Protein backbone atom coordinates (compact mmCIF):
# COMPACT_ATOMS: atom_id res chain seq x y z
CA UNK A 1 -7.19 3.72 6.00
CA UNK A 2 -3.37 4.31 6.96
CA UNK A 3 -3.49 7.98 5.82
CA UNK A 4 0.20 9.05 6.76
CA UNK A 5 1.24 10.13 3.44
CA UNK A 6 2.28 6.89 2.43
CA UNK A 7 2.46 6.42 -1.36
CA UNK A 8 1.00 2.86 -1.37
CA UNK A 9 -2.20 3.91 0.96
CA UNK A 10 -2.82 7.53 -0.87
CA UNK A 11 -2.61 5.23 -4.12
CA UNK A 12 -5.79 3.15 -2.93
CA UNK A 13 -7.82 6.50 -2.32
CA UNK A 14 -6.85 7.96 -6.05
CA UNK A 15 -8.14 4.60 -7.25
CA UNK A 16 -11.35 4.89 -5.46
CA UNK A 17 -12.22 9.20 -5.76
CA UNK A 18 -11.62 8.37 -9.10
CA UNK A 19 -13.83 5.54 -9.64
CA UNK A 20 -16.91 7.15 -7.84
CA UNK A 21 -16.52 11.09 -9.13
CA UNK A 22 -20.12 11.45 -8.11
CA UNK A 23 -20.11 10.34 -4.70
CA UNK A 24 -18.89 11.74 -1.42
CA UNK A 25 -16.03 10.09 0.65
CA UNK A 26 -15.34 11.34 4.12
CA UNK A 27 -11.73 10.74 5.49
CA UNK A 28 -10.21 11.36 8.81
CA UNK A 29 -6.62 12.07 9.60
CA UNK A 30 -4.22 13.91 11.61
CA UNK A 31 -2.14 15.10 8.57
CA UNK A 32 -2.63 17.63 5.88
CA UNK A 33 -4.27 15.87 3.24
CA UNK A 34 -5.01 19.64 1.59
CA UNK A 35 -3.73 18.33 -2.11
CA UNK A 36 -6.03 15.77 -2.26
CA UNK A 37 -8.85 17.86 -1.11
CA UNK A 38 -7.83 20.51 -4.02
CA UNK A 39 -7.29 17.93 -6.76
CA UNK A 40 -10.77 16.01 -5.82
CA UNK A 41 -14.21 17.49 -5.51
CA UNK A 42 -15.66 14.12 -3.96
CA UNK A 43 -13.67 13.97 -0.49
CA UNK A 44 -13.91 16.03 2.70
CA UNK A 45 -11.17 15.52 4.98
CA UNK A 46 -11.37 15.82 9.20
CA UNK A 47 -8.06 16.89 9.63
CA UNK A 48 -5.78 17.51 12.54
CA UNK A 49 -8.14 20.99 13.92
CA UNK A 50 -11.23 19.40 12.86
CA UNK A 51 -10.37 16.28 14.90
CA UNK A 52 -9.23 18.74 17.82
CA UNK A 53 -12.64 20.02 17.84
CA UNK A 54 -14.49 17.03 17.81
CA UNK A 55 -12.49 15.86 20.69
CA UNK A 56 -13.49 19.13 22.39
CA UNK A 57 -17.30 18.16 21.74
CA UNK A 58 -16.42 14.56 23.22
CA UNK A 59 -16.63 16.30 26.58
CA UNK A 60 -20.33 17.33 25.89
CA UNK A 61 -21.41 14.57 23.65
CA UNK A 62 -19.32 11.63 24.65
CA UNK A 63 -19.54 10.79 21.08
CA UNK A 64 -15.99 9.78 19.59
CA UNK A 65 -14.86 12.40 16.55
CA UNK A 66 -14.95 9.20 14.54
CA UNK A 67 -18.56 8.36 15.03
CA UNK A 68 -19.23 11.92 14.40
CA UNK A 69 -17.74 11.43 11.11
CA UNK A 70 -19.61 7.81 10.68
CA UNK A 71 -22.99 9.70 10.94
CA UNK A 72 -22.53 11.70 8.30
CA UNK A 73 -22.42 8.46 6.06
CA UNK A 74 -24.33 5.67 4.38
CA UNK A 75 -21.69 3.33 4.21
CA UNK A 76 -18.18 2.65 5.69
CA UNK A 77 -15.53 1.11 3.43
CA UNK A 78 -12.45 -0.16 4.93
CA UNK A 79 -9.64 0.35 2.34
CA UNK A 80 -6.37 -0.43 2.68
CA UNK A 81 -3.76 -3.21 2.72
CA UNK A 82 -2.46 -4.37 5.84
CA UNK A 83 -5.17 -3.34 7.74
CA UNK A 84 -5.69 -6.41 9.86
CA UNK A 85 -2.42 -6.86 12.03
CA UNK A 86 -2.23 -8.09 15.50
CA UNK A 87 -0.32 -5.99 17.81
CA UNK A 88 -1.92 -5.67 21.09
CA UNK A 89 -5.11 -7.27 22.14
CA UNK A 90 -6.34 -4.98 24.77
CA UNK A 91 -9.88 -3.63 24.50
CA UNK A 92 -9.62 -5.41 20.96
CA UNK A 93 -13.53 -6.27 20.90
CA UNK A 94 -14.71 -2.66 22.39
CA UNK A 95 -12.77 -1.39 19.11
CA UNK A 96 -14.12 -3.80 16.87
CA UNK A 97 -17.67 -2.46 18.54
CA UNK A 98 -16.89 0.94 17.79
CA UNK A 99 -15.85 0.78 14.40
CA UNK A 100 -17.72 -1.99 12.92
CA UNK A 101 -20.99 -2.16 15.06
CA UNK A 102 -21.87 0.88 17.00
CA UNK A 103 -23.95 2.91 14.96
CA UNK A 104 -24.08 0.34 12.05
CA UNK A 105 -23.63 1.20 8.94
CA UNK A 106 -23.10 -1.45 6.36
CA UNK A 107 -19.50 -1.83 5.92
CA UNK A 108 -17.21 -2.76 2.78
CA UNK A 109 -13.71 -4.49 3.35
CA UNK A 110 -11.70 -4.18 0.30
CA UNK A 111 -8.07 -4.44 -0.70
CA UNK A 112 -6.69 -5.78 2.11
CA UNK A 113 -4.68 -8.67 3.72
CA UNK A 114 -5.10 -10.48 6.79
CA UNK A 115 -2.19 -10.62 9.35
CA UNK A 116 0.45 -11.37 10.59
CA UNK A 117 -1.40 -12.60 13.47
CA UNK A 118 -0.74 -14.43 16.22
CA UNK A 119 -3.62 -15.67 18.30
CA UNK A 120 -6.58 -17.68 17.43
CA UNK A 121 -8.69 -15.19 19.52
CA UNK A 122 -7.45 -11.90 16.91
CA UNK A 123 -9.13 -14.08 14.22
CA UNK A 124 -11.88 -15.47 15.34
CA UNK A 125 -12.89 -11.75 16.51
CA UNK A 126 -12.20 -10.44 12.95
CA UNK A 127 -13.83 -13.74 11.47
CA UNK A 128 -17.17 -11.94 13.10
CA UNK A 129 -16.38 -8.80 11.90
CA UNK A 130 -16.32 -10.16 8.23
CA UNK A 131 -19.19 -12.35 8.61
CA UNK A 132 -21.10 -9.09 8.73
CA UNK A 133 -19.38 -7.08 6.30
CA UNK A 134 -21.22 -6.43 2.88
CA UNK A 135 -18.16 -8.03 1.31
CA UNK A 136 -14.50 -8.75 2.39
CA UNK A 137 -12.39 -8.67 -0.75
CA UNK A 138 -8.94 -9.56 -0.24
CA UNK A 139 -6.09 -9.21 -2.54
CA UNK A 140 -3.90 -12.31 -1.63
CA UNK A 141 -4.91 -15.91 -1.24
CA UNK A 142 -3.44 -16.50 1.50
CA UNK A 143 -5.82 -14.40 3.32
CA UNK A 144 -8.96 -15.70 1.66
CA UNK A 145 -7.81 -19.27 2.39
CA UNK A 146 -8.12 -17.99 6.15
CA UNK A 147 -11.67 -16.95 5.60
CA UNK A 148 -13.04 -18.72 2.37
CA UNK A 149 -15.72 -20.80 4.56
CA UNK A 150 -17.46 -17.00 4.39
CA UNK A 151 -20.01 -16.58 1.61
CA UNK A 152 -19.02 -13.14 1.12
CA UNK A 153 -15.29 -13.58 1.44
CA UNK A 154 -13.23 -13.32 -2.12
CA UNK A 155 -9.61 -12.56 -3.79
CA UNK A 156 -8.67 -10.69 -6.13
CA UNK A 157 -5.28 -8.85 -7.35
CA UNK A 158 -4.05 -5.68 -5.78
CA UNK A 159 -6.31 -2.33 -6.02
CA UNK A 160 -3.68 -0.27 -7.14
CA UNK A 161 -3.38 -2.68 -10.57
CA UNK A 162 -6.83 -0.39 -11.24
CA UNK A 163 -4.43 2.66 -11.59
CA UNK A 164 -5.29 4.24 -14.50
CA UNK A 165 -1.19 4.96 -16.06
CA UNK A 166 -2.11 5.97 -19.55
CA UNK A 167 -0.99 9.26 -18.89
CA UNK A 168 2.16 8.51 -18.00
CA UNK A 169 5.24 8.40 -20.73
CA UNK A 170 6.49 5.20 -20.18
CA UNK A 171 9.92 4.86 -21.63
CA UNK A 172 13.21 2.97 -20.55
CA UNK A 173 16.06 5.21 -19.81
CA UNK A 174 18.96 3.59 -17.80
CA UNK A 175 18.17 4.07 -14.42
CA UNK A 176 17.01 2.44 -11.21
CA UNK A 177 13.68 2.83 -9.15
CA UNK A 178 14.52 1.88 -5.57
CA UNK A 179 12.70 2.35 -2.99
CA UNK A 180 14.13 2.01 0.57
CA UNK A 181 12.69 1.06 4.52
CA UNK A 182 14.24 2.17 7.69
CA UNK A 183 14.59 -1.76 8.43
CA UNK A 184 15.93 -3.17 11.74
CA UNK A 185 18.48 -5.26 10.00
CA UNK A 186 22.23 -4.33 9.22
CA UNK A 187 22.57 -6.83 6.52
CA UNK A 188 19.59 -5.17 4.43
CA UNK A 189 21.55 -2.18 4.43
CA UNK A 190 24.49 -4.01 3.29
CA UNK A 191 22.89 -5.57 0.20
CA UNK A 192 21.18 -2.21 -0.66
CA UNK A 193 24.97 -0.70 -0.93
CA UNK A 194 26.19 -3.63 -2.73
CA UNK A 195 23.10 -2.99 -5.34
CA UNK A 196 23.98 0.83 -5.83
CA UNK A 197 27.69 -0.37 -6.24
CA UNK A 198 26.14 -3.08 -9.16
CA UNK A 199 23.76 -0.76 -10.62
CA UNK A 200 26.72 2.42 -10.65
CA UNK A 201 29.48 0.00 -12.30
CA UNK A 202 26.61 -0.58 -15.15
CA UNK A 203 26.23 2.90 -15.65
CA UNK A 204 22.64 3.23 -13.96
CA UNK A 205 21.45 6.50 -12.47
CA UNK A 206 20.00 5.37 -9.14
CA UNK A 207 16.64 7.13 -7.90
CA UNK A 208 16.16 6.63 -4.50
CA UNK A 209 12.32 6.81 -3.23
CA UNK A 210 11.24 7.56 0.00
CA UNK A 211 7.42 6.43 -0.07
CA UNK A 212 6.65 7.50 3.60
CA UNK A 213 8.37 9.73 5.69
CA UNK A 214 6.54 9.05 8.63
CA UNK A 215 7.72 5.35 8.84
CA UNK A 216 11.56 6.44 8.29
CA UNK A 217 11.90 5.85 4.65
CA UNK A 218 13.54 9.20 4.17
CA UNK A 219 15.94 8.43 7.54
CA UNK A 220 17.34 5.20 5.56
CA UNK A 221 17.51 7.21 2.45
CA UNK A 222 20.26 9.36 4.52
CA UNK A 223 21.74 6.53 6.01
CA UNK A 224 22.81 5.37 2.78
CA UNK A 225 23.82 8.38 1.22
CA UNK A 226 25.86 8.94 3.87
CA UNK A 227 27.36 5.74 3.32
CA UNK A 228 27.75 5.72 -0.52
CA UNK A 229 28.07 9.25 -1.49
CA UNK A 230 25.68 10.95 -4.25
CA UNK A 231 27.55 9.88 -7.21
CA UNK A 232 24.90 9.29 -9.64
CA UNK A 233 22.07 9.26 -7.25
CA UNK A 234 18.87 11.23 -7.13
CA UNK A 235 16.37 11.63 -4.22
CA UNK A 236 12.92 11.56 -4.47
CA UNK A 237 10.88 12.13 -0.95
CA UNK A 238 6.90 11.83 -1.46
CA UNK A 239 4.41 13.77 0.33
CA UNK A 240 1.59 14.22 -1.63
CA UNK A 241 2.60 14.67 -5.15
CA UNK A 242 2.10 10.99 -6.58
CA UNK A 243 2.34 11.87 -10.15
CA UNK A 244 5.82 13.06 -9.72
CA UNK A 245 6.78 9.82 -8.07
CA UNK A 246 5.37 7.60 -10.92
CA UNK A 247 6.89 10.29 -13.59
CA UNK A 248 10.31 8.89 -12.18
CA UNK A 249 9.10 5.14 -12.20
CA UNK A 250 7.60 5.28 -15.81
CA UNK A 251 11.21 6.25 -17.35
CA UNK A 252 13.16 4.06 -15.10
CA UNK A 253 14.35 0.41 -16.42
CA UNK A 254 14.80 -1.53 -13.11
CA UNK A 255 12.57 -1.27 -10.02
CA UNK A 256 14.16 -2.60 -6.90
CA UNK A 257 11.27 -2.88 -4.27
CA UNK A 258 11.19 -2.88 -0.75
CA UNK A 259 7.96 -1.25 -0.24
CA UNK A 260 5.02 -3.89 -1.31
CA UNK A 261 3.30 -1.25 -3.77
CA UNK A 262 6.92 -0.60 -5.22
CA UNK A 263 6.80 -4.27 -6.62
CA UNK A 264 2.82 -3.36 -7.83
CA UNK A 265 3.65 -0.23 -9.52
CA UNK A 266 6.60 -1.95 -11.17
CA UNK A 267 4.76 -4.58 -12.47
CA UNK A 268 2.11 -2.54 -13.33
CA UNK A 269 4.36 -0.46 -15.50
CA UNK A 270 5.99 -3.50 -16.94
CA UNK A 271 9.32 -2.95 -15.55
CA UNK A 272 11.89 -5.40 -14.64
CA UNK A 273 11.28 -5.60 -10.89
CA UNK A 274 13.56 -6.84 -7.96
CA UNK A 275 11.61 -7.39 -4.87
CA UNK A 276 13.19 -7.31 -1.58
CA UNK A 277 10.89 -9.10 0.75
CA UNK A 278 10.42 -7.71 4.33
CA UNK A 279 7.18 -9.03 5.01
CA UNK A 280 5.38 -12.26 3.77
CA UNK A 281 2.52 -10.21 2.05
CA UNK A 282 4.85 -9.33 -0.86
CA UNK A 283 5.79 -13.16 -1.16
CA UNK A 284 2.26 -13.87 -0.98
CA UNK A 285 1.48 -11.75 -3.88
CA UNK A 286 4.14 -12.75 -5.77
CA UNK A 287 3.19 -16.33 -5.70
CA UNK A 288 -0.30 -15.68 -6.61
CA UNK A 289 1.21 -13.88 -9.67
CA UNK A 290 3.38 -16.74 -10.46
CA UNK A 291 6.55 -14.34 -10.66
CA UNK A 292 9.67 -16.23 -11.76
CA UNK A 293 12.34 -13.36 -11.27
CA UNK A 294 15.22 -12.64 -8.88
CA UNK A 295 13.75 -11.85 -5.32
CA UNK A 296 15.96 -10.71 -2.43
CA UNK A 297 14.25 -12.66 0.72
CA UNK A 298 17.09 -13.73 3.03
CA UNK A 299 19.57 -10.60 3.26
CA UNK A 300 22.31 -12.89 4.88
CA UNK A 301 22.48 -15.66 1.98
CA UNK A 302 21.59 -13.08 -0.91
CA UNK A 303 24.79 -12.97 -3.42
CA UNK A 304 25.10 -10.15 -5.69
CA UNK A 305 25.96 -12.38 -8.63
CA UNK A 306 22.63 -13.73 -8.71
CA UNK A 307 21.98 -10.47 -10.60
CA UNK A 308 22.30 -11.76 -13.84
CA UNK A 309 21.24 -10.42 -17.56
CA UNK A 310 18.45 -12.44 -17.70
CA UNK A 311 17.80 -11.30 -14.15
CA UNK A 312 17.84 -7.64 -15.53
CA UNK A 313 15.70 -8.35 -18.73
CA UNK A 314 12.83 -10.30 -16.63
CA UNK A 315 9.26 -9.01 -17.21
CA UNK A 316 6.20 -10.61 -15.90
CA UNK A 317 3.14 -9.88 -18.21
CA UNK A 318 0.29 -9.42 -15.92
CA UNK A 319 -2.48 -8.42 -17.95
CA UNK A 320 -4.23 -12.03 -17.71
CA UNK A 321 -3.13 -12.63 -14.26
CA UNK A 322 -5.02 -9.18 -12.71
CA UNK A 323 -8.32 -9.14 -15.31
CA UNK A 324 -10.20 -9.64 -12.19
CA UNK A 325 -8.66 -6.46 -10.55
CA UNK A 326 -11.94 -4.39 -10.90
CA UNK A 327 -13.90 -7.19 -8.95
CA UNK A 328 -12.60 -5.25 -5.76
CA UNK A 329 -15.45 -3.17 -6.33
CA UNK A 330 -18.11 -5.24 -7.86
CA UNK A 331 -20.44 -4.64 -4.50
CA UNK A 332 -19.77 -0.95 -3.85
CA UNK A 333 -20.53 -0.48 -7.95
CA UNK A 334 -24.01 -1.57 -7.10
CA UNK A 335 -24.81 1.02 -4.69
CA UNK A 336 -22.57 3.46 -5.87
CA UNK A 337 -22.57 3.65 -9.28
């Protein structure tokens, strides 16, 4: 998992811990996840200081910190979204061997997409990883099609569609839930400022949301607020209180979603969603769901006039389209439930 206090990834953790309350999960991160540990009794967190101790032990045992944690478990789950992105192939096979094949445990890969990738070598290496997994359950058809010749590869809607939202009071106040990212694109920030101006004129309050401080979301918000001012703007910065962010979303009428899981959450809460495409993974999932609303996928060409009354009233009924969402856990259910 990507454990850097990213709301989307922390939602994955929330879903799996709540699904299997009687099984113990071990996670390893250099971040402080005390709130998760306090809230759920079925997770043990190997945090910064434990990892430092394990690194010291490495000098004596030559076992990496990851191997110590893995040794305590009966199986391994790779849970997350963009877990297989090609960046640097240096020591790729060695890293794969250390994570998946050394000290072999049954492993399950669920909820992910594959890519972006650049080389056949990268794809070939991970095809061997997928071949030996108990299951590989992708969240989009594009990734599934790359490996569909493997019998253990499947495609189901995003895991976060399994999130239990019954405790949230879903209403529609004249508010916009707007997730921002610190993209290296000046036209992106121009469009965000135009969107804020557009919704201000229509009388909306704008909630600017940071999903992940480590990836620069808060910097993006600061940059925007410095330019447009704080009139009719509230700021919410996620760290570890998932419900505080979901409560803001539950009462908003419109979701302007740069973050992938802002799109997923907006659809789950049955909101009007305006996705901003910074990665093909978002477009792939929207295609799978048959989304017909306004999409901002070209910052240079988008015109604010494309946001019509029809745009602001469009909602996608996802009930039938996501009915297989729990199938991600089919194989895990057999051993954990």
